[in-house]
Amino acid sequence: MIGLIDCNNFYVSCERAFQPRLEGIPVGVLSNNDGCVIARSNELKALGVEMGTPAFELKPLLRQRRIELLSSNYELYGDMSSRVQQVLEEYSAGVEPYSIDEMFVRFDGFAPEQMHAHAQELFTKVRRFTHIPVSVGIAPTRTLAKLANRAAKKLPIYGGVCVLRPGTDECEGLLQQVSLGDVWGVGRRLVERLGLLGMQTAWDLAQAEPKQIRQRFSVTLERTCLELKGVPCIEMNDPGEARQRIMTSRSFGRLTDNRQEIHQAIRQYAQRSAEKLRSQDSVARAVYVFLKTNRHRPDLPQYSPSAIVELPQPTDDSRDILHAASQAFDSIFRPHYRFMKAGVMLIDLVDANRQQLSLLDTAESRANRERNDHLMATMDALNQRMGRGTVTFGRPSPGAAWHLRCANRTPRWTTRWDELPEVR
């Protein structure tokens, strides 16, 4: 059996964990630059505020003090996600993160009759140790676990915990209530094509012949069909698998044509990309840099260039990557264009432990490489211990245009050393 643990209204729940005054208040969390709503409390949903609602449309409610809007605080959310994962790892056979607020949990070795009691224990312990409310769905397959989690969250009868067993009346009844569009991996176009065959619900797809589904559609939908029958055939990617490219990009707080400010942004993004690169023990062969103007502003001249600079040799050294990113920036920047976004991507990545060394490698070059590796490791250790950005190559100007707007961001609250009080 496998479970899906979903943190309810995760961003809002993280904020409430440290600000109990927000309980019961309609709360929304805004996107980068405080643009639109990306997370809503149940109270805000009840007011009819949709996901993606622009923040400026909610100003009347803000003036009336009927709602509270907060800037996104991803450092806090990432830390709280790690805390939830730590609790799950302590009380399960293994955890596979699916997103920042969803995790698959293995229940190998648990007897079927113990499953619901253990799921209830997980439900309680995550809330007690992290203050984050969750929904727990358990089933033999990941697709069914997704549906079980949805039932646990939406149907009060389950009280936040649902265990589905294929072949039972409960499972059949639930599948008959779920439309195809709510099945994991079934998109709008597939719903339309399946509808032409008379399929409307998850139960209809579960009763279909898998081989015919494969012939008419794809092997992916065949696997979904089998999963709905209770046959496991979808595995998650290894969470430790190295990424093939690394990107860091942001929209600016305001449009700018200031060369120095944009160059600072490129340098910051390059350094952050290099940190990500080292964290997965990879090296890059090239650096890609891009700039973008706002295509929704036809009154302004448009220019969205990009450039790739090949590195002399594969590297994870921030200084080499910074130099290449600056070269790319110099080649594409043009004055009098007001840019809204920039980004740096490290491409053509290889395993640092398997890179091909030069035949001309000397003892001196190897010693230099070891010193450089030690310098980067020391920087990363200091930044991890003291906070990101403690040690950098160059210091960005405060108030630069590329800084994100975050007028209502709460403190990060958490560190590696403090702990949340236990909920009694």
Protein backbone atom coordinates (compact mmCIF):
# COMPACT_ATOMS: atom_id res chain seq x y z
CA MET A 1 0.00 0.00 0.00
CA ILE A 2 1.09 3.56 -0.68
CA GLY A 3 -0.21 6.78 0.78
CA LEU A 4 -0.38 10.36 -0.43
CA ILE A 5 0.01 13.02 2.22
CA ASP A 6 -1.25 16.42 1.07
CA CYS A 7 -0.70 19.52 3.22
CA ASN A 8 -3.97 21.48 3.28
CA ASN A 9 -3.74 25.08 2.00
CA PHE A 10 -0.01 24.67 2.58
CA TYR A 11 1.32 28.23 2.19
CA VAL A 12 -1.46 29.64 4.34
CA SER A 13 -0.97 26.87 6.93
CA CYS A 14 2.75 27.72 7.16
CA GLU A 15 1.90 31.34 7.90
CA ARG A 16 -0.72 30.36 10.47
CA ALA A 17 1.72 28.04 12.25
CA PHE A 18 3.58 31.13 13.47
CA GLN A 19 0.70 33.61 13.51
CA PRO A 20 -2.26 32.05 15.35
CA ARG A 21 -4.18 35.33 14.92
CA LEU A 22 -4.70 34.32 11.27
CA GLU A 23 -6.85 31.34 12.26
CA GLY A 24 -10.41 31.84 11.04
CA ILE A 25 -9.46 34.89 8.96
CA PRO A 26 -9.67 34.83 5.13
CA VAL A 27 -5.99 34.67 4.13
CA GLY A 28 -4.33 34.65 0.73
CA VAL A 29 -0.70 34.28 -0.30
CA LEU A 30 0.49 36.24 -3.33
CA SER A 31 2.83 35.28 -6.16
CA ASN A 32 6.22 36.83 -6.85
CA ASN A 33 6.01 40.63 -6.96
CA ASP A 34 2.69 40.44 -5.09
CA GLY A 35 0.93 39.87 -8.40
CA CYS A 36 -1.93 37.43 -7.86
CA VAL A 37 -3.34 34.93 -5.38
CA ILE A 38 -1.58 31.53 -5.42
CA ALA A 39 -2.85 30.08 -2.13
CA ARG A 40 -6.14 30.55 -0.29
CA SER A 41 -7.52 29.64 3.09
CA ASN A 42 -10.93 27.97 3.18
CA GLU A 43 -12.38 31.25 4.46
CA LEU A 44 -11.02 33.12 1.42
CA LYS A 45 -12.42 30.46 -0.91
CA ALA A 46 -15.81 30.92 0.75
CA LEU A 47 -15.71 34.61 -0.25
CA GLY A 48 -15.48 33.53 -3.90
CA VAL A 49 -11.86 34.55 -4.43
CA GLU A 50 -10.49 32.38 -7.23
CA MET A 51 -6.94 31.15 -7.66
CA GLY A 52 -4.99 33.62 -9.79
CA THR A 53 -7.11 36.64 -8.83
CA PRO A 54 -4.97 39.80 -9.31
CA ALA A 55 -4.11 41.46 -6.00
CA PHE A 56 -5.37 44.88 -7.13
CA GLU A 57 -8.91 43.47 -7.51
CA LEU A 58 -8.92 42.64 -3.79
CA LYS A 59 -8.02 46.13 -2.56
CA PRO A 60 -11.63 46.96 -1.54
CA LEU A 61 -11.70 43.87 0.73
CA LEU A 62 -8.30 44.83 2.12
CA ARG A 63 -9.44 48.36 2.93
CA GLN A 64 -12.47 46.92 4.73
CA ARG A 65 -10.09 44.62 6.68
CA ARG A 66 -12.14 41.62 5.61
CA ILE A 67 -9.15 39.69 4.29
CA GLU A 68 -5.39 39.46 4.78
CA LEU A 69 -2.92 39.10 1.90
CA LEU A 70 0.69 38.01 2.48
CA SER A 71 3.73 38.00 0.22
CA SER A 72 5.09 34.55 -0.61
CA ASN A 73 7.87 33.31 1.67
CA TYR A 74 9.39 30.30 -0.10
CA GLU A 75 12.27 29.86 2.37
CA LEU A 76 9.70 29.33 5.13
CA TYR A 77 7.57 27.00 2.99
CA GLY A 78 10.57 24.92 1.95
CA ASP A 79 11.70 24.56 5.56
CA MET A 80 8.23 23.53 6.74
CA SER A 81 7.97 21.02 3.89
CA SER A 82 11.23 19.45 5.08
CA ARG A 83 9.85 19.24 8.61
CA VAL A 84 6.73 17.46 7.41
CA GLN A 85 8.91 15.02 5.45
CA GLN A 86 11.05 14.33 8.52
CA VAL A 87 7.97 13.38 10.55
CA LEU A 88 6.71 11.11 7.77
CA GLU A 89 10.10 9.40 7.43
CA GLU A 90 10.12 8.61 11.14
CA TYR A 91 6.75 6.85 11.01
CA SER A 92 6.79 5.15 7.59
CA ALA A 93 8.86 2.83 5.40
CA GLY A 94 9.94 5.63 3.04
CA VAL A 95 8.92 9.00 1.58
CA GLU A 96 8.88 10.13 -2.07
CA PRO A 97 8.35 13.92 -2.36
CA TYR A 98 5.98 14.75 -5.22
CA SER A 99 5.80 18.51 -4.72
CA ILE A 100 6.43 21.01 -1.94
CA ASP A 101 3.10 20.09 -0.29
CA GLU A 102 2.53 16.49 -1.45
CA MET A 103 4.48 13.35 -0.58
CA PHE A 104 3.96 9.68 -1.36
CA VAL A 105 4.58 7.46 1.65
CA ARG A 106 5.34 3.73 1.57
CA PHE A 107 3.54 1.42 3.99
CA ASP A 108 5.51 -1.76 3.34
CA GLY A 109 5.19 -4.27 6.16
CA PHE A 110 1.98 -2.92 7.70
CA ALA A 111 -0.90 -5.36 8.11
CA PRO A 112 -4.11 -4.36 6.26
CA GLU A 113 -6.10 -4.20 9.48
CA GLN A 114 -3.53 -1.75 10.93
CA MET A 115 -3.53 0.56 7.94
CA HIS A 116 -6.28 2.98 8.97
CA ALA A 117 -5.01 3.28 12.54
CA HIS A 118 -1.50 4.04 11.31
CA ALA A 119 -2.79 6.59 8.79
CA GLN A 120 -4.73 8.26 11.59
CA GLU A 121 -1.55 8.34 13.69
CA LEU A 122 0.36 10.02 10.84
CA PHE A 123 -2.47 12.53 10.43
CA THR A 124 -2.24 13.43 14.12
CA LYS A 125 1.54 13.49 14.48
CA VAL A 126 2.19 15.75 11.49
CA ARG A 127 -0.31 18.24 12.91
CA ARG A 128 1.17 17.98 16.40
CA PHE A 129 4.84 18.34 15.44
CA THR A 130 4.57 20.87 12.58
CA HIS A 131 1.20 22.64 13.04
CA ILE A 132 0.42 21.77 9.40
CA PRO A 133 -2.99 20.13 8.73
CA VAL A 134 -2.87 17.29 6.21
CA SER A 135 -5.10 14.88 4.33
CA VAL A 136 -4.11 11.22 4.09
CA GLY A 137 -5.13 8.91 1.24
CA ILE A 138 -3.97 5.27 1.11
CA ALA A 139 -4.46 2.69 -1.65
CA PRO A 140 -2.52 -0.01 -3.52
CA THR A 141 -1.56 2.39 -6.37
CA ARG A 142 -0.54 6.01 -6.69
CA THR A 143 -3.54 6.92 -8.86
CA LEU A 144 -5.97 5.45 -6.34
CA ALA A 145 -4.03 7.09 -3.49
CA LYS A 146 -4.56 10.45 -5.23
CA LEU A 147 -8.31 9.80 -5.37
CA ALA A 148 -8.34 8.60 -1.77
CA ASN A 149 -6.58 11.80 -0.71
CA ARG A 150 -9.12 13.88 -2.61
CA ALA A 151 -11.94 12.07 -0.80
CA ALA A 152 -10.22 12.56 2.57
CA LYS A 153 -9.99 16.29 1.91
CA LYS A 154 -13.40 16.91 0.32
CA LEU A 155 -15.73 14.50 2.15
CA PRO A 156 -16.25 15.21 5.89
CA ILE A 157 -17.22 11.57 6.52
CA TYR A 158 -13.56 10.54 6.22
CA GLY A 159 -12.25 13.06 8.73
CA GLY A 160 -9.06 13.66 6.74
CA VAL A 161 -8.10 9.97 6.36
CA CYS A 162 -9.26 7.59 3.59
CA VAL A 163 -8.06 4.04 2.91
CA LEU A 164 -9.25 2.60 -0.41
CA ARG A 165 -9.27 -1.12 -1.24
CA PRO A 166 -10.13 -2.13 -4.84
CA GLY A 167 -13.08 -4.47 -5.17
CA THR A 168 -15.00 -3.01 -2.24
CA ASP A 169 -18.32 -1.21 -2.52
CA GLU A 170 -16.69 1.87 -1.02
CA CYS A 171 -14.04 2.02 -3.75
CA GLU A 172 -16.58 1.41 -6.51
CA GLY A 173 -18.90 4.10 -5.19
CA LEU A 174 -16.08 6.63 -4.96
CA LEU A 175 -14.86 5.92 -8.50
CA GLN A 176 -18.40 6.37 -9.80
CA GLN A 177 -18.52 9.84 -8.22
CA VAL A 178 -15.20 11.03 -9.63
CA SER A 179 -15.25 12.58 -13.10
CA LEU A 180 -12.48 11.70 -15.53
CA GLY A 181 -11.07 15.21 -15.34
CA ASP A 182 -10.25 14.63 -11.67
CA VAL A 183 -8.19 11.50 -12.35
CA TRP A 184 -4.43 11.99 -12.03
CA GLY A 185 -2.87 12.33 -15.50
CA VAL A 186 -6.13 12.65 -17.49
CA GLY A 187 -6.19 16.06 -19.17
CA ARG A 188 -8.99 18.00 -20.85
CA ARG A 189 -8.37 16.66 -24.36
CA LEU A 190 -8.31 13.07 -23.13
CA VAL A 191 -11.59 13.69 -21.29
CA GLU A 192 -13.17 14.84 -24.57
CA ARG A 193 -11.87 11.82 -26.50
CA LEU A 194 -12.91 9.36 -23.80
CA GLY A 195 -16.31 11.04 -23.66
CA LEU A 196 -16.87 10.09 -27.30
CA LEU A 197 -16.58 6.46 -26.15
CA GLY A 198 -19.16 7.00 -23.44
CA MET A 199 -16.67 7.24 -20.57
CA GLN A 200 -17.51 9.93 -18.03
CA THR A 201 -16.21 8.73 -14.67
CA ALA A 202 -13.15 7.08 -13.14
CA TRP A 203 -15.22 3.91 -12.78
CA ASP A 204 -15.85 3.84 -16.55
CA LEU A 205 -12.10 3.97 -17.22
CA ALA A 206 -11.43 1.34 -14.55
CA GLN A 207 -13.84 -1.04 -16.33
CA ALA A 208 -12.21 -0.54 -19.75
CA GLU A 209 -9.95 -3.13 -21.37
CA PRO A 210 -6.33 -1.93 -20.86
CA LYS A 211 -5.04 -3.28 -24.19
CA GLN A 212 -7.76 -1.45 -26.11
CA ILE A 213 -6.97 1.74 -24.20
CA ARG A 214 -3.34 1.35 -25.24
CA GLN A 215 -4.23 0.80 -28.89
CA ARG A 216 -6.61 3.76 -29.08
CA PHE A 217 -4.71 6.18 -26.83
CA SER A 218 -1.32 5.54 -25.25
CA VAL A 219 0.64 3.34 -22.88
CA THR A 220 0.40 6.13 -20.30
CA LEU A 221 -3.40 5.97 -20.22
CA GLU A 222 -3.20 2.17 -20.16
CA ARG A 223 -1.18 2.44 -16.95
CA THR A 224 -3.77 4.81 -15.46
CA CYS A 225 -6.49 2.29 -16.34
CA LEU A 226 -4.55 -0.51 -14.62
CA GLU A 227 -3.85 1.67 -11.59
CA LEU A 228 -7.58 2.32 -11.20
CA LYS A 229 -8.05 -1.46 -11.15
CA GLY A 230 -5.53 -1.68 -8.31
CA VAL A 231 -2.53 -2.83 -10.35
CA PRO A 232 0.59 -0.74 -9.50
CA CYS A 233 2.46 0.36 -12.63
CA ILE A 234 3.42 4.02 -12.10
CA GLU A 235 6.70 4.69 -10.32
CA MET A 236 7.97 8.10 -9.27
CA ASN A 237 11.28 9.45 -10.53
CA ASP A 238 14.15 9.06 -8.11
CA PRO A 239 14.09 12.27 -6.03
CA GLY A 240 17.86 12.12 -5.88
CA GLU A 241 18.26 11.98 -9.66
CA ALA A 242 20.36 14.86 -10.96
CA ARG A 243 18.64 17.45 -13.13
CA GLN A 244 19.78 17.82 -16.73
CA ARG A 245 19.70 21.63 -16.61
CA ILE A 246 19.49 24.22 -13.87
CA MET A 247 17.63 27.50 -14.23
CA THR A 248 17.31 30.53 -11.98
CA SER A 249 15.09 33.35 -13.21
CA ARG A 250 12.81 36.01 -11.76
CA SER A 251 10.47 38.75 -12.86
CA PHE A 252 11.70 42.14 -11.70
CA GLY A 253 9.87 44.25 -9.14
CA ARG A 254 9.51 46.93 -11.82
CA LEU A 255 10.59 47.50 -15.42
CA THR A 256 14.16 48.76 -15.74
CA ASP A 257 16.69 49.72 -18.40
CA ASN A 258 19.50 50.23 -15.87
CA ARG A 259 22.47 48.17 -17.09
CA GLN A 260 24.10 47.90 -13.67
CA GLU A 261 20.95 46.70 -11.95
CA ILE A 262 20.23 44.05 -14.59
CA HIS A 263 23.85 42.89 -14.50
CA GLN A 264 23.58 42.52 -10.73
CA ALA A 265 20.50 40.36 -11.20
CA ILE A 266 22.32 38.15 -13.71
CA ARG A 267 25.21 37.74 -11.27
CA GLN A 268 22.87 36.80 -8.43
CA TYR A 269 21.07 34.25 -10.58
CA ALA A 270 24.37 32.80 -11.81
CA GLN A 271 25.63 32.36 -8.25
CA ARG A 272 22.41 30.70 -7.17
CA SER A 273 22.54 28.34 -10.16
CA ALA A 274 26.12 27.43 -9.30
CA GLU A 275 25.04 26.56 -5.74
CA LYS A 276 22.31 24.28 -7.09
CA LEU A 277 24.84 22.71 -9.45
CA ARG A 278 27.25 21.84 -6.64
CA SER A 279 24.44 20.51 -4.45
CA GLN A 280 23.79 17.75 -6.99
CA ASP A 281 27.51 17.06 -7.65
CA SER A 282 27.39 18.15 -11.29
CA VAL A 283 29.46 20.41 -13.51
CA ALA A 284 28.25 22.51 -16.46
CA ARG A 285 29.72 22.87 -19.93
CA ALA A 286 27.84 26.05 -20.93
CA VAL A 287 25.89 29.01 -19.55
CA TYR A 288 22.70 30.36 -21.13
CA VAL A 289 21.48 33.90 -20.32
CA PHE A 290 18.25 35.56 -21.41
CA LEU A 291 16.46 38.90 -20.97
CA LYS A 292 12.80 39.71 -21.59
CA THR A 293 10.81 42.88 -22.09
CA ASN A 294 7.09 42.98 -21.31
CA ARG A 295 5.22 41.73 -24.40
CA HIS A 296 1.98 42.96 -22.85
CA ARG A 297 3.23 46.54 -23.18
CA PRO A 298 2.96 47.27 -26.93
CA ASP A 299 3.64 50.94 -26.15
CA LEU A 300 7.25 49.97 -25.30
CA PRO A 301 9.96 48.70 -27.68
CA GLN A 302 10.30 44.91 -27.52
CA TYR A 303 13.57 42.97 -27.28
CA SER A 304 14.01 39.50 -25.74
CA PRO A 305 17.54 38.28 -26.52
CA SER A 306 19.50 35.27 -25.29
CA ALA A 307 23.06 33.98 -25.59
CA ILE A 308 25.07 30.85 -24.74
CA VAL A 309 28.70 30.94 -23.64
CA GLU A 310 30.64 27.69 -23.66
CA LEU A 311 32.90 27.19 -20.64
CA PRO A 312 36.59 26.41 -21.26
CA GLN A 313 36.11 23.19 -19.28
CA PRO A 314 33.22 21.69 -17.30
CA THR A 315 33.05 23.46 -13.95
CA ASP A 316 30.96 24.15 -10.86
CA ASP A 317 33.10 27.12 -9.78
CA SER A 318 30.93 30.20 -9.22
CA ARG A 319 33.69 32.48 -10.52
CA ASP A 320 33.89 30.73 -13.91
CA ILE A 321 30.12 30.67 -14.21
CA LEU A 322 29.87 34.35 -13.24
CA HIS A 323 32.46 35.28 -15.87
CA ALA A 324 30.60 33.38 -18.59
CA ALA A 325 27.23 34.85 -17.54
CA SER A 326 28.71 38.36 -17.67
CA GLN A 327 30.10 37.67 -21.14
CA ALA A 328 26.68 36.55 -22.34
CA PHE A 329 25.01 39.57 -20.77
CA ASP A 330 27.48 41.98 -22.38
CA SER A 331 26.76 40.46 -25.78
CA ILE A 332 22.97 40.85 -25.61
CA PHE A 333 22.27 43.95 -23.53
CA ARG A 334 21.02 46.96 -25.46
CA PRO A 335 20.20 50.36 -23.89
CA HIS A 336 16.76 52.01 -24.00
CA TYR A 337 14.87 48.72 -23.54
CA ARG A 338 12.97 48.29 -20.29
CA PHE A 339 13.35 44.70 -19.19
CA MET A 340 10.93 42.83 -16.92
CA LYS A 341 12.71 39.48 -16.48
CA ALA A 342 16.11 37.83 -16.69
CA GLY A 343 17.46 34.36 -16.14
CA VAL A 344 20.52 32.12 -16.13
CA MET A 345 20.50 28.45 -17.14
CA LEU A 346 23.37 26.00 -16.75
CA ILE A 347 23.23 23.44 -19.54
CA ASP A 348 24.99 20.31 -20.76
CA LEU A 349 25.51 19.02 -17.22
CA VAL A 350 27.65 16.01 -16.36
CA ASP A 351 28.43 14.15 -13.15
CA ALA A 352 31.34 15.87 -11.39
CA ASN A 353 32.80 12.49 -10.48
CA ARG A 354 32.73 11.22 -14.07
CA GLN A 355 33.96 14.20 -16.07
CA GLN A 356 36.76 13.59 -18.54
CA LEU A 357 40.00 15.27 -17.48
CA SER A 358 42.55 16.78 -19.83
CA LEU A 359 45.60 14.80 -20.91
CA LEU A 360 47.61 17.97 -20.19
CA ASP A 361 46.57 17.95 -16.54
CA THR A 362 49.52 18.71 -14.27
CA ALA A 363 50.14 18.46 -10.54
CA GLU A 364 49.82 22.25 -10.31
CA SER A 365 46.47 22.32 -12.12
CA ARG A 366 45.16 19.50 -9.92
CA ALA A 367 46.25 21.42 -6.80
CA ASN A 368 44.51 24.57 -8.09
CA ARG A 369 41.36 22.57 -8.75
CA GLU A 370 41.42 21.16 -5.22
CA ARG A 371 41.84 24.66 -3.75
CA ASN A 372 38.93 25.94 -5.83
CA ASP A 373 36.75 23.01 -4.75
CA HIS A 374 37.61 23.68 -1.13
CA LEU A 375 36.75 27.38 -1.53
CA MET A 376 33.33 26.59 -3.06
CA ALA A 377 32.60 23.99 -0.37
CA THR A 378 33.47 26.51 2.36
CA MET A 379 31.19 29.14 0.81
CA ASP A 380 28.31 26.67 0.55
CA ALA A 381 28.81 25.54 4.15
CA LEU A 382 28.78 29.12 5.44
CA ASN A 383 25.68 30.01 3.43
CA GLN A 384 23.90 26.89 4.62
CA ARG A 385 24.75 27.58 8.22
CA MET A 386 24.35 31.36 8.32
CA GLY A 387 21.69 31.88 5.66
CA ARG A 388 21.67 32.15 1.88
CA GLY A 389 23.60 35.13 0.56
CA THR A 390 25.86 35.48 3.60
CA VAL A 391 28.95 34.96 1.41
CA THR A 392 28.73 36.06 -2.23
CA PHE A 393 30.87 37.43 -5.04
CA GLY A 394 29.74 41.05 -4.98
CA ARG A 395 26.93 42.62 -2.99
CA PRO A 396 23.72 43.73 -4.78
CA SER A 397 22.47 47.28 -4.35
CA PRO A 398 19.51 47.57 -1.97
CA GLY A 399 16.29 48.70 -3.61
CA ALA A 400 17.37 47.70 -7.13
CA ALA A 401 14.54 47.26 -9.64
CA TRP A 402 15.16 43.52 -10.00
CA HIS A 403 14.34 42.85 -6.34
CA LEU A 404 10.91 41.27 -5.97
CA ARG A 405 8.03 43.24 -4.53
CA CYS A 406 7.11 41.63 -1.20
CA ALA A 407 5.49 44.33 0.89
CA ASN A 408 3.68 41.87 3.17
CA ARG A 409 6.27 39.12 3.61
CA THR A 410 6.46 37.63 7.08
CA PRO A 411 9.79 36.72 8.71
CA ARG A 412 11.20 33.33 7.83
CA TRP A 413 10.58 32.36 11.48
CA THR A 414 12.39 29.02 11.31
CA THR A 415 16.07 28.08 11.45
CA ARG A 416 17.92 24.81 11.77
CA TRP A 417 18.14 25.22 15.54
CA ASP A 418 14.68 26.19 16.77
CA GLU A 419 11.71 23.88 17.00
CA LEU A 420 7.99 24.42 16.88
CA PRO A 421 6.14 23.91 20.15
CA GLU A 422 4.13 20.73 20.31
CA VAL A 423 0.37 21.05 19.83
CA ARG A 424 -1.48 19.49 22.74
